[in-house]
Amino acid sequence: MRVLLIEDEVLAAEKLSATLKEVSPKSEILAILNSVDSCIDWLSKNEHPDLILSDIHLADGLCFNIFSKAEVDCPIIFTTAYEKYAIQAFEVNSIDYLLKPVESERLKLALEKYDSLNDSQLNQRKQLFEEFKKMLSSETKEYKSRFLCKIGNKIKSIPINKIRYFYSKDKMSFIIDDAGNRLPINNTLDEIDQLVDPNSFFRVNRQFVIHFDAISEIHPYFKGRLKLNLEPATDDDIVISAERSPLFKSWLDR
């Protein structure tokens, strides 16, 4: 197992390295990095590891900034002295969260979790990771304030604060505004998902991107899924998969 260690305290890095060798003697430590910038640079020039062990607080900022700028598709185990970052950590590719000082038994359990991951779980974590990167970039990115619609021979611009949700049907996309009007637009739902502010809008499934204000009721559904009622109402069942439900709940609680 090829491991990248990210830790800005020399003694902590030495201890973590020794603990890793103790619980997983065959592990190969590729590098020990201590800053956001050095990690971004290293990841851009080297083959990625099988696993990353990363402190959250680094010399030049939070490690989450690394994963908003660098392409990382391997699992991550976070280490930190602060429990308040736990939820944020699990929105990234995290498989575990270890409080400092890292004990050998806890690290061993975390590595066992890594060994037990299957392809489906890895794909789910990659999806969460992409969502997390989008949330990080939302702090500086500018999003659309209006969408242009063509209605017959007329063109109308719809302010974003009037839009309650977007949906697609029969290869067409539509806006539903706060008055319940259905307005056709040329953008695909994939495009819309990138153009709207993720603090206000959420892609609940392949068919719907909804505004927070459109949610009237949330119901537990079969096998860990969630079912939503929207306002203005729709005849379609709005179901969020078991894989996306934790991310949706985190979005609601932001």
Protein backbone atom coordinates (compact mmCIF):
# COMPACT_ATOMS: atom_id res chain seq x y z
CA MET A 1 0.00 0.00 0.00
CA ARG A 2 1.46 3.34 -1.12
CA VAL A 3 0.70 6.14 1.35
CA LEU A 4 1.10 9.93 1.25
CA LEU A 5 1.43 11.63 4.66
CA ILE A 6 0.33 15.27 5.03
CA GLU A 7 1.38 16.77 8.37
CA ASP A 8 2.96 20.15 9.22
CA GLU A 9 4.33 19.26 12.67
CA VAL A 10 7.65 17.41 12.48
CA LEU A 11 7.18 15.37 15.66
CA ALA A 12 3.60 14.48 14.76
CA ALA A 13 4.74 13.41 11.28
CA GLU A 14 7.47 11.21 12.74
CA LYS A 15 5.06 9.62 15.22
CA LEU A 16 2.39 8.99 12.57
CA SER A 17 5.00 7.49 10.24
CA ALA A 18 6.23 5.17 12.99
CA THR A 19 2.68 4.17 13.96
CA LEU A 20 1.84 3.40 10.33
CA LYS A 21 4.93 1.19 10.01
CA GLU A 22 3.94 -0.54 13.25
CA VAL A 23 0.41 -1.46 12.18
CA SER A 24 1.14 -1.91 8.45
CA PRO A 25 4.81 -2.90 7.96
CA LYS A 26 4.41 -3.38 4.20
CA SER A 27 3.17 0.19 3.67
CA GLU A 28 5.37 2.47 1.57
CA ILE A 29 5.41 6.15 2.55
CA LEU A 30 5.83 8.07 -0.71
CA ALA A 31 6.34 11.51 0.86
CA ILE A 32 5.66 13.59 3.96
CA LEU A 33 4.32 17.03 3.01
CA ASN A 34 3.55 19.97 5.30
CA SER A 35 1.58 22.55 3.32
CA VAL A 36 -1.31 23.05 0.94
CA ASP A 37 0.97 24.40 -1.82
CA SER A 38 3.51 21.58 -1.55
CA CYS A 39 0.73 18.98 -1.72
CA ILE A 40 -0.87 20.53 -4.80
CA ASP A 41 2.54 20.63 -6.47
CA TRP A 42 3.40 17.02 -5.50
CA LEU A 43 0.03 15.65 -6.63
CA SER A 44 0.40 17.37 -10.02
CA LYS A 45 3.79 15.77 -10.67
CA ASN A 46 3.54 12.29 -9.15
CA GLU A 47 1.49 9.15 -9.49
CA HIS A 48 -1.20 9.29 -6.84
CA PRO A 49 -1.01 7.05 -3.76
CA ASP A 50 -3.38 4.30 -2.73
CA LEU A 51 -4.23 6.19 0.47
CA ILE A 52 -3.68 9.65 1.96
CA LEU A 53 -3.24 10.32 5.69
CA SER A 54 -3.79 14.06 6.18
CA ASP A 55 -3.83 16.51 9.03
CA ILE A 56 -6.56 19.13 8.60
CA HIS A 57 -4.64 22.17 9.87
CA LEU A 58 -1.53 22.82 7.76
CA ALA A 59 1.09 25.57 7.71
CA ASP A 60 -0.70 27.59 5.02
CA GLY A 61 -4.35 26.71 5.60
CA LEU A 62 -6.85 23.86 5.82
CA CYS A 63 -6.09 20.71 3.86
CA PHE A 64 -9.53 20.91 2.22
CA ASN A 65 -8.02 23.59 -0.04
CA ILE A 66 -5.78 20.89 -1.51
CA PHE A 67 -8.72 18.81 -2.58
CA SER A 68 -10.54 21.76 -4.13
CA LYS A 69 -7.61 22.39 -6.50
CA ALA A 70 -5.93 19.03 -7.07
CA GLU A 71 -7.43 15.97 -8.72
CA VAL A 72 -7.49 13.30 -6.01
CA ASP A 73 -9.33 10.01 -6.44
CA CYS A 74 -7.90 7.91 -3.61
CA PRO A 75 -9.43 7.47 -0.13
CA ILE A 76 -8.31 9.77 2.70
CA ILE A 77 -7.95 9.31 6.45
CA PHE A 78 -7.99 12.64 8.27
CA THR A 79 -6.16 13.41 11.52
CA THR A 80 -6.77 16.46 13.69
CA ALA A 81 -7.13 17.66 17.26
CA TYR A 82 -10.46 19.36 16.48
CA GLU A 83 -13.71 17.42 16.34
CA LYS A 84 -15.59 20.31 14.69
CA TYR A 85 -14.16 19.34 11.29
CA ALA A 86 -15.55 15.81 11.40
CA ILE A 87 -18.64 16.44 9.23
CA GLN A 88 -16.63 18.42 6.70
CA ALA A 89 -14.05 15.66 6.56
CA PHE A 90 -16.63 13.04 5.72
CA GLU A 91 -17.90 15.14 2.81
CA VAL A 92 -14.56 14.51 1.15
CA ASN A 93 -13.09 11.12 0.14
CA SER A 94 -12.74 10.25 3.81
CA ILE A 95 -12.88 6.69 5.11
CA ASP A 96 -12.14 7.64 8.71
CA TYR A 97 -11.41 10.51 11.06
CA LEU A 98 -8.73 10.13 13.75
CA LEU A 99 -8.25 12.48 16.69
CA LYS A 100 -4.69 13.28 17.72
CA PRO A 101 -2.65 11.79 19.19
CA VAL A 102 -3.32 8.95 16.75
CA GLU A 103 -3.35 5.62 18.57
CA SER A 104 -2.05 2.52 16.80
CA GLU A 105 -5.26 0.56 17.42
CA ARG A 106 -7.45 3.30 15.88
CA LEU A 107 -5.14 3.59 12.89
CA LYS A 108 -5.23 -0.17 12.46
CA LEU A 109 -9.05 -0.11 12.42
CA ALA A 110 -9.02 2.71 9.87
CA LEU A 111 -6.70 0.74 7.60
CA GLU A 112 -8.96 -2.28 7.93
CA LYS A 113 -11.85 -0.11 6.74
CA TYR A 114 -9.71 0.91 3.77
CA ASP A 115 -8.95 -2.74 2.95
CA SER A 116 -12.67 -3.60 3.04
CA LEU A 117 -13.78 -0.90 0.58
CA ASN A 118 -15.39 -2.22 -2.58
CA ASP A 119 -15.68 -0.48 -5.98
CA SER A 120 -19.23 0.73 -5.27
CA GLN A 121 -18.21 2.42 -2.02
CA LEU A 122 -15.20 4.02 -3.70
CA ASN A 123 -17.42 5.42 -6.45
CA GLN A 124 -19.82 6.86 -3.87
CA ARG A 125 -16.95 8.58 -2.08
CA LYS A 126 -15.67 10.00 -5.37
CA GLN A 127 -19.12 11.46 -6.00
CA LEU A 128 -19.17 13.08 -2.55
CA PHE A 129 -15.68 14.38 -3.18
CA GLU A 130 -16.73 16.12 -6.40
CA GLU A 131 -19.66 17.71 -4.59
CA PHE A 132 -17.34 18.90 -1.84
CA LYS A 133 -14.95 20.52 -4.33
CA LYS A 134 -17.92 22.34 -5.84
CA MET A 135 -18.94 23.63 -2.41
CA LEU A 136 -15.42 24.92 -1.76
CA SER A 137 -15.29 26.77 -5.08
CA SER A 138 -18.68 28.40 -4.42
CA GLU A 139 -17.01 30.92 -2.09
CA THR A 140 -15.35 32.72 -5.01
CA LYS A 141 -17.24 31.59 -8.11
CA GLU A 142 -19.88 33.84 -9.64
CA TYR A 143 -23.19 32.18 -10.48
CA LYS A 144 -25.96 33.11 -12.88
CA SER A 145 -28.43 35.70 -11.66
CA ARG A 146 -30.91 35.24 -14.55
CA PHE A 147 -31.93 32.62 -17.10
CA LEU A 148 -33.19 33.43 -20.59
CA CYS A 149 -36.37 31.70 -21.78
CA LYS A 150 -38.06 31.77 -25.17
CA ILE A 151 -41.86 31.63 -25.00
CA GLY A 152 -43.41 31.56 -28.46
CA ASN A 153 -42.11 34.66 -30.23
CA LYS A 154 -41.12 36.33 -26.97
CA ILE A 155 -37.95 36.22 -24.92
CA LYS A 156 -38.12 36.50 -21.14
CA SER A 157 -35.37 36.76 -18.51
CA ILE A 158 -36.16 35.00 -15.21
CA PRO A 159 -34.34 36.23 -12.06
CA ILE A 160 -32.74 33.42 -10.09
CA ASN A 161 -34.65 34.43 -6.93
CA LYS A 162 -37.93 33.62 -8.73
CA ILE A 163 -36.87 30.09 -9.67
CA ARG A 164 -38.01 27.25 -7.43
CA TYR A 165 -36.63 24.33 -9.39
CA PHE A 166 -35.35 23.09 -12.73
CA TYR A 167 -36.37 19.77 -14.23
CA SER A 168 -35.89 17.79 -17.40
CA LYS A 169 -38.37 15.69 -19.32
CA ASP A 170 -38.30 14.18 -22.80
CA LYS A 171 -34.83 15.66 -23.44
CA MET A 172 -36.06 19.19 -22.63
CA SER A 173 -35.33 21.40 -19.59
CA PHE A 174 -37.76 23.66 -17.79
CA ILE A 175 -37.89 26.28 -15.04
CA ILE A 176 -40.69 26.28 -12.51
CA ASP A 177 -40.95 29.76 -11.01
CA ASP A 178 -42.47 30.86 -7.70
CA ALA A 179 -45.87 31.35 -9.37
CA GLY A 180 -45.88 27.81 -10.73
CA ASN A 181 -45.20 28.80 -14.35
CA ARG A 182 -43.34 26.29 -16.52
CA LEU A 183 -40.76 27.96 -18.77
CA PRO A 184 -38.52 26.14 -21.30
CA ILE A 185 -34.76 26.79 -21.34
CA ASN A 186 -31.93 25.59 -23.60
CA ASN A 187 -29.53 24.52 -20.85
CA THR A 188 -29.19 20.88 -19.88
CA LEU A 189 -29.59 19.92 -16.22
CA ASP A 190 -25.87 19.11 -16.05
CA GLU A 191 -25.09 22.66 -17.22
CA ILE A 192 -27.61 24.18 -14.82
CA ASP A 193 -26.06 22.30 -11.91
CA GLN A 194 -22.77 24.11 -12.61
CA LEU A 195 -24.36 27.53 -13.18
CA VAL A 196 -26.41 27.89 -9.98
CA ASP A 197 -25.18 28.55 -6.44
CA PRO A 198 -24.86 25.20 -4.59
CA ASN A 199 -25.67 26.96 -1.31
CA SER A 200 -29.19 27.56 -2.66
CA PHE A 201 -29.72 24.76 -5.20
CA PHE A 202 -29.23 20.99 -4.93
CA ARG A 203 -29.23 18.29 -7.62
CA VAL A 204 -31.53 15.75 -5.99
CA ASN A 205 -31.52 13.29 -8.90
CA ARG A 206 -31.05 13.11 -12.65
CA GLN A 207 -34.30 14.95 -13.29
CA PHE A 208 -34.44 17.78 -10.71
CA VAL A 209 -32.29 20.65 -9.41
CA ILE A 210 -34.24 22.30 -6.61
CA HIS A 211 -34.02 25.53 -4.62
CA PHE A 212 -34.11 25.27 -0.83
CA ASP A 213 -37.34 27.33 -0.75
CA ALA A 214 -39.10 24.77 -2.97
CA ILE A 215 -38.97 22.08 -0.27
CA SER A 216 -42.27 21.78 1.57
CA GLU A 217 -41.91 18.32 3.16
CA ILE A 218 -39.23 15.63 3.53
CA HIS A 219 -40.16 12.01 4.23
CA PRO A 220 -38.01 8.94 4.99
CA TYR A 221 -38.43 6.44 2.15
CA PHE A 222 -37.50 2.82 1.47
CA LYS A 223 -33.92 1.57 1.91
CA GLY A 224 -32.42 4.79 3.24
CA ARG A 225 -33.86 7.03 0.54
CA LEU A 226 -35.74 10.31 1.01
CA LYS A 227 -38.89 11.55 -0.68
CA LEU A 228 -39.64 15.27 -1.14
CA ASN A 229 -42.76 17.30 -1.65
CA LEU A 230 -42.15 20.52 -3.56
CA GLU A 231 -43.97 23.85 -3.76
CA PRO A 232 -45.10 24.55 -6.47
CA ALA A 233 -46.16 20.91 -6.60
CA THR A 234 -45.15 18.43 -9.28
CA ASP A 235 -46.74 15.16 -10.36
CA ASP A 236 -43.33 13.47 -10.42
CA ASP A 237 -42.04 11.54 -7.40
CA ILE A 238 -38.95 13.34 -6.05
CA VAL A 239 -36.79 10.61 -4.55
CA ILE A 240 -33.21 11.03 -3.33
CA SER A 241 -31.06 7.90 -3.42
CA ALA A 242 -29.54 6.37 -0.30
CA GLU A 243 -26.10 7.40 -1.59
CA ARG A 244 -27.03 11.09 -1.96
CA SER A 245 -29.23 11.35 1.14
CA PRO A 246 -26.33 12.07 3.58
CA LEU A 247 -25.06 14.83 1.31
CA PHE A 248 -28.56 16.30 1.02
CA LYS A 249 -28.95 16.33 4.81
CA SER A 250 -25.58 18.04 5.17
CA TRP A 251 -26.69 20.63 2.59
CA LEU A 252 -29.88 21.28 4.58
CA ASP A 253 -27.89 21.76 7.79
CA ARG A 254 -25.31 24.12 6.33
